[in-house]
Amino acid sequence: MSRPSAYVTTIRTVFGLIFVAGSVVHLGNALGDPSVYGAFGRTAWPPLAGWWEPLVMANIGWLVVVMVGFELVVGVSAWLPRRWNRLSVLAMTVFFVFLVFLGYGFPVDAWYRDLLVNRFGSVVMIAVVLPWLLRPQPLSVPAAWRTLVRSGGRRADDAGSREG
């Protein structure tokens, strides 16, 4: 088996934690004030914005619960081996693409500010997870970290050639 990528293992660790934390934030919003999601209707791509109030906000109670579940599953599965983390990174990528169209819920007065404040971050997130998306990760996050620590930063195929 090839040595896991330190970059991808770091990304899996961080994004797994971010998505689990996001599920906690959304749970707090669901229990507290789900109307905070109304701001997303003001930053969404115009065809999507027209549906925000009648479709999303009218059903926000159960949609937030779905969002909590989605983020929790995606965050936890990022740490799991094989196909589970593959599904996680696919779900993250689709989610970030959706956020490019939805925005982050920060209405601004100019299109270039909207791109910077509500869209650019999602494009960056897609770029950050792209190496993970393109390279299968057979190990769980804890197993990948153990392998990386044991190899001491060396490439696994170089270890044997240095001894002797």
C-alpha atoms as a PDB file:
ATOM      1  CA  MET A   1       0.000   0.000   0.000  1.00  0.00           C
ATOM      2  CA  SER A   2       1.294   3.469  -0.812  1.00  0.00           C
ATOM      3  CA  ARG A   3       2.004   6.008   1.888  1.00  0.00           C
ATOM      4  CA  PRO A   4      -0.942   8.314   2.588  1.00  0.00           C
ATOM      5  CA  SER A   5      -0.672  11.930   1.551  1.00  0.00           C
ATOM      6  CA  ALA A   6       0.091  14.218   4.497  1.00  0.00           C
ATOM      7  CA  TYR A   7      -1.792  17.034   2.741  1.00  0.00           C
ATOM      8  CA  VAL A   8      -4.912  14.962   2.111  1.00  0.00           C
ATOM      9  CA  THR A   9      -4.812  13.495   5.623  1.00  0.00           C
ATOM     10  CA  THR A  10      -4.638  17.033   7.037  1.00  0.00           C
ATOM     11  CA  ILE A  11      -7.527  18.159   4.819  1.00  0.00           C
ATOM     12  CA  ARG A  12      -9.626  15.153   5.857  1.00  0.00           C
ATOM     13  CA  THR A  13      -8.896  15.880   9.510  1.00  0.00           C
ATOM     14  CA  VAL A  14      -9.720  19.587   9.294  1.00  0.00           C
ATOM     15  CA  PHE A  15     -12.754  19.331   7.015  1.00  0.00           C
ATOM     16  CA  GLY A  16     -14.173  16.438   9.029  1.00  0.00           C
ATOM     17  CA  LEU A  17     -13.993  18.611  12.151  1.00  0.00           C
ATOM     18  CA  ILE A  18     -15.420  21.644  10.325  1.00  0.00           C
ATOM     19  CA  PHE A  19     -18.419  19.700   9.046  1.00  0.00           C
ATOM     20  CA  VAL A  20     -19.125  18.156  12.468  1.00  0.00           C
ATOM     21  CA  ALA A  21     -18.849  21.636  14.035  1.00  0.00           C
ATOM     22  CA  GLY A  22     -21.153  22.960  11.297  1.00  0.00           C
ATOM     23  CA  SER A  23     -23.769  20.397  12.261  1.00  0.00           C
ATOM     24  CA  VAL A  24     -23.633  21.695  15.846  1.00  0.00           C
ATOM     25  CA  VAL A  25     -24.041  25.299  14.632  1.00  0.00           C
ATOM     26  CA  HIS A  26     -27.025  24.335  12.473  1.00  0.00           C
ATOM     27  CA  LEU A  27     -28.551  22.441  15.392  1.00  0.00           C
ATOM     28  CA  GLY A  28     -28.218  25.589  17.499  1.00  0.00           C
ATOM     29  CA  ASN A  29     -29.914  27.605  14.749  1.00  0.00           C
ATOM     30  CA  ALA A  30     -32.694  25.019  14.482  1.00  0.00           C
ATOM     31  CA  LEU A  31     -33.354  25.169  18.212  1.00  0.00           C
ATOM     32  CA  GLY A  32     -32.817  28.912  18.480  1.00  0.00           C
ATOM     33  CA  ASP A  33     -33.778  31.057  15.517  1.00  0.00           C
ATOM     34  CA  PRO A  34     -34.089  29.279  12.156  1.00  0.00           C
ATOM     35  CA  SER A  35     -35.138  32.570  10.544  1.00  0.00           C
ATOM     36  CA  VAL A  36     -31.409  33.428  10.259  1.00  0.00           C
ATOM     37  CA  TYR A  37     -31.433  31.344   7.078  1.00  0.00           C
ATOM     38  CA  GLY A  38     -33.594  33.995   5.386  1.00  0.00           C
ATOM     39  CA  ALA A  39     -30.429  35.960   4.546  1.00  0.00           C
ATOM     40  CA  PHE A  40     -29.371  33.243   2.104  1.00  0.00           C
ATOM     41  CA  GLY A  41     -32.343  34.139  -0.077  1.00  0.00           C
ATOM     42  CA  ARG A  42     -30.812  37.594  -0.516  1.00  0.00           C
ATOM     43  CA  THR A  43     -27.448  36.235  -1.690  1.00  0.00           C
ATOM     44  CA  ALA A  44     -28.648  33.350  -3.848  1.00  0.00           C
ATOM     45  CA  TRP A  45     -28.369  33.248  -7.616  1.00  0.00           C
ATOM     46  CA  PRO A  46     -31.539  34.989  -8.903  1.00  0.00           C
ATOM     47  CA  PRO A  47     -33.389  31.869 -10.182  1.00  0.00           C
ATOM     48  CA  LEU A  48     -32.710  30.165  -6.842  1.00  0.00           C
ATOM     49  CA  ALA A  49     -33.564  33.274  -4.810  1.00  0.00           C
ATOM     50  CA  GLY A  50     -37.136  33.245  -6.106  1.00  0.00           C
ATOM     51  CA  TRP A  51     -37.690  29.820  -4.574  1.00  0.00           C
ATOM     52  CA  TRP A  52     -35.976  30.519  -1.280  1.00  0.00           C
ATOM     53  CA  GLU A  53     -38.869  32.035   0.659  1.00  0.00           C
ATOM     54  CA  PRO A  54     -41.745  29.814  -0.561  1.00  0.00           C
ATOM     55  CA  LEU A  55     -39.803  26.556  -0.633  1.00  0.00           C
ATOM     56  CA  VAL A  56     -36.956  26.733   1.876  1.00  0.00           C
ATOM     57  CA  MET A  57     -38.102  29.199   4.517  1.00  0.00           C
ATOM     58  CA  ALA A  58     -41.616  27.736   4.538  1.00  0.00           C
ATOM     59  CA  ASN A  59     -40.054  24.371   5.470  1.00  0.00           C
ATOM     60  CA  ILE A  60     -36.996  25.555   7.368  1.00  0.00           C
ATOM     61  CA  GLY A  61     -37.783  23.546  10.520  1.00  0.00           C
ATOM     62  CA  TRP A  62     -37.235  20.138   8.964  1.00  0.00           C
ATOM     63  CA  LEU A  63     -34.725  21.332   6.352  1.00  0.00           C
ATOM     64  CA  VAL A  64     -32.349  22.468   9.105  1.00  0.00           C
ATOM     65  CA  VAL A  65     -32.616  19.015  10.684  1.00  0.00           C
ATOM     66  CA  VAL A  66     -31.680  17.507   7.296  1.00  0.00           C
ATOM     67  CA  MET A  67     -28.742  19.919   7.110  1.00  0.00           C
ATOM     68  CA  VAL A  68     -27.589  18.905  10.606  1.00  0.00           C
ATOM     69  CA  GLY A  69     -27.690  15.240   9.582  1.00  0.00           C
ATOM     70  CA  PHE A  70     -25.937  15.890   6.274  1.00  0.00           C
ATOM     71  CA  GLU A  71     -23.064  17.815   7.844  1.00  0.00           C
ATOM     72  CA  LEU A  72     -22.662  15.290  10.659  1.00  0.00           C
ATOM     73  CA  VAL A  73     -22.546  12.305   8.272  1.00  0.00           C
ATOM     74  CA  VAL A  74     -20.185  14.068   5.853  1.00  0.00           C
ATOM     75  CA  GLY A  75     -17.886  15.153   8.690  1.00  0.00           C
ATOM     76  CA  VAL A  76     -17.704  11.739  10.340  1.00  0.00           C
ATOM     77  CA  SER A  77     -17.339   9.849   7.046  1.00  0.00           C
ATOM     78  CA  ALA A  78     -14.352  12.038   6.116  1.00  0.00           C
ATOM     79  CA  TRP A  79     -12.438  10.153   8.814  1.00  0.00           C
ATOM     80  CA  LEU A  80     -13.540   6.675   7.703  1.00  0.00           C
ATOM     81  CA  PRO A  81     -11.668   4.380   5.312  1.00  0.00           C
ATOM     82  CA  ARG A  82     -12.161   3.727   1.624  1.00  0.00           C
ATOM     83  CA  ARG A  83     -15.497   4.442  -0.008  1.00  0.00           C
ATOM     84  CA  TRP A  84     -16.871   6.327   2.990  1.00  0.00           C
ATOM     85  CA  ASN A  85     -14.367   9.156   2.787  1.00  0.00           C
ATOM     86  CA  ARG A  86     -14.711   9.089  -0.995  1.00  0.00           C
ATOM     87  CA  LEU A  87     -18.452   9.694  -0.617  1.00  0.00           C
ATOM     88  CA  SER A  88     -17.659  12.391   1.930  1.00  0.00           C
ATOM     89  CA  VAL A  89     -15.400  14.373  -0.397  1.00  0.00           C
ATOM     90  CA  LEU A  90     -17.918  14.016  -3.239  1.00  0.00           C
ATOM     91  CA  ALA A  91     -20.673  15.351  -0.958  1.00  0.00           C
ATOM     92  CA  MET A  92     -18.417  18.199   0.205  1.00  0.00           C
ATOM     93  CA  THR A  93     -17.612  19.162  -3.375  1.00  0.00           C
ATOM     94  CA  VAL A  94     -21.282  19.175  -4.405  1.00  0.00           C
ATOM     95  CA  PHE A  95     -22.092  21.195  -1.275  1.00  0.00           C
ATOM     96  CA  PHE A  96     -19.415  23.788  -2.104  1.00  0.00           C
ATOM     97  CA  VAL A  97     -20.662  24.043  -5.703  1.00  0.00           C
ATOM     98  CA  PHE A  98     -24.176  24.616  -4.319  1.00  0.00           C
ATOM     99  CA  LEU A  99     -22.795  27.349  -2.043  1.00  0.00           C
ATOM    100  CA  VAL A 100     -21.279  29.104  -5.070  1.00  0.00           C
ATOM    101  CA  PHE A 101     -24.869  29.609  -6.274  1.00  0.00           C
ATOM    102  CA  LEU A 102     -26.405  30.167  -2.841  1.00  0.00           C
ATOM    103  CA  GLY A 103     -23.787  32.411  -1.275  1.00  0.00           C
ATOM    104  CA  TYR A 104     -22.979  32.696   2.418  1.00  0.00           C
ATOM    105  CA  GLY A 105     -25.898  34.898   3.409  1.00  0.00           C
ATOM    106  CA  PHE A 106     -23.992  38.193   3.540  1.00  0.00           C
ATOM    107  CA  PRO A 107     -25.871  40.663   1.310  1.00  0.00           C
ATOM    108  CA  VAL A 108     -23.591  43.336  -0.178  1.00  0.00           C
ATOM    109  CA  ASP A 109     -24.129  46.297  -2.483  1.00  0.00           C
ATOM    110  CA  ALA A 110     -21.905  45.436  -5.470  1.00  0.00           C
ATOM    111  CA  TRP A 111     -21.479  42.347  -7.656  1.00  0.00           C
ATOM    112  CA  TYR A 112     -17.700  42.206  -7.154  1.00  0.00           C
ATOM    113  CA  ARG A 113     -18.150  42.314  -3.366  1.00  0.00           C
ATOM    114  CA  ASP A 114     -20.735  39.559  -3.660  1.00  0.00           C
ATOM    115  CA  LEU A 115     -18.210  37.420  -5.547  1.00  0.00           C
ATOM    116  CA  LEU A 116     -15.579  38.048  -2.902  1.00  0.00           C
ATOM    117  CA  VAL A 117     -17.784  37.687   0.184  1.00  0.00           C
ATOM    118  CA  ASN A 118     -20.323  35.044  -0.892  1.00  0.00           C
ATOM    119  CA  ARG A 119     -18.761  32.965  -3.689  1.00  0.00           C
ATOM    120  CA  PHE A 120     -14.961  32.991  -3.681  1.00  0.00           C
ATOM    121  CA  GLY A 121     -14.631  31.009  -0.440  1.00  0.00           C
ATOM    122  CA  SER A 122     -16.505  28.060  -1.914  1.00  0.00           C
ATOM    123  CA  VAL A 123     -14.311  28.047  -5.019  1.00  0.00           C
ATOM    124  CA  VAL A 124     -11.255  27.988  -2.738  1.00  0.00           C
ATOM    125  CA  MET A 125     -12.745  25.090  -0.737  1.00  0.00           C
ATOM    126  CA  ILE A 126     -13.269  23.111  -3.950  1.00  0.00           C
ATOM    127  CA  ALA A 127      -9.625  23.715  -4.879  1.00  0.00           C
ATOM    128  CA  VAL A 128      -8.480  22.653  -1.397  1.00  0.00           C
ATOM    129  CA  VAL A 129     -10.343  19.300  -1.480  1.00  0.00           C
ATOM    130  CA  LEU A 130      -9.506  18.555  -5.131  1.00  0.00           C
ATOM    131  CA  PRO A 131      -6.366  16.469  -4.349  1.00  0.00           C
ATOM    132  CA  TRP A 132      -8.465  14.337  -1.987  1.00  0.00           C
ATOM    133  CA  LEU A 133     -11.159  13.994  -4.640  1.00  0.00           C
ATOM    134  CA  LEU A 134      -8.590  12.867  -7.214  1.00  0.00           C
ATOM    135  CA  ARG A 135      -6.593  10.465  -5.011  1.00  0.00           C
ATOM    136  CA  PRO A 136      -8.383   7.581  -3.261  1.00  0.00           C
ATOM    137  CA  GLN A 137      -7.686   7.341   0.480  1.00  0.00           C
ATOM    138  CA  PRO A 138      -7.909   3.720   1.664  1.00  0.00           C
ATOM    139  CA  LEU A 139      -7.059   4.367   5.332  1.00  0.00           C
ATOM    140  CA  SER A 140      -9.088   5.975   8.081  1.00  0.00           C
ATOM    141  CA  VAL A 141      -7.734   9.299   9.344  1.00  0.00           C
ATOM    142  CA  PRO A 142      -6.269   7.774  12.556  1.00  0.00           C
ATOM    143  CA  ALA A 143      -4.594   4.972  10.541  1.00  0.00           C
ATOM    144  CA  ALA A 144      -3.258   7.473   7.990  1.00  0.00           C
ATOM    145  CA  TRP A 145      -1.759   9.621  10.762  1.00  0.00           C
ATOM    146  CA  ARG A 146      -0.184   6.533  12.386  1.00  0.00           C
ATOM    147  CA  THR A 147       1.378   5.567   9.051  1.00  0.00           C
ATOM    148  CA  LEU A 148       2.674   9.090   8.463  1.00  0.00           C
ATOM    149  CA  VAL A 149       4.148   9.372  11.966  1.00  0.00           C
ATOM    150  CA  ARG A 150       5.816   5.951  11.736  1.00  0.00           C
ATOM    151  CA  SER A 151       7.384   6.802   8.391  1.00  0.00           C
ATOM    152  CA  GLY A 152       8.920   9.884  10.010  1.00  0.00           C
ATOM    153  CA  GLY A 153       8.195  12.082   7.044  1.00  0.00           C
ATOM    154  CA  ARG A 154      10.096   9.808   4.637  1.00  0.00           C
ATOM    155  CA  ARG A 155       8.533   8.338   1.578  1.00  0.00           C
ATOM    156  CA  ALA A 156       7.789   4.668   2.265  1.00  0.00           C
ATOM    157  CA  ASP A 157       9.613   3.513  -0.891  1.00  0.00           C
ATOM    158  CA  ASP A 158      12.770   5.470   0.104  1.00  0.00           C
ATOM    159  CA  ALA A 159      13.047   3.921   3.573  1.00  0.00           C
ATOM    160  CA  GLY A 160      14.602   0.647   2.424  1.00  0.00           C
ATOM    161  CA  SER A 161      17.192   2.265   0.152  1.00  0.00           C
ATOM    162  CA  ARG A 162      18.648   4.361   2.995  1.00  0.00           C
ATOM    163  CA  GLU A 163      19.499   1.381   5.158  1.00  0.00           C
ATOM    164  CA  GLY A 164      22.462  -0.704   4.492  1.00  0.00           C
END
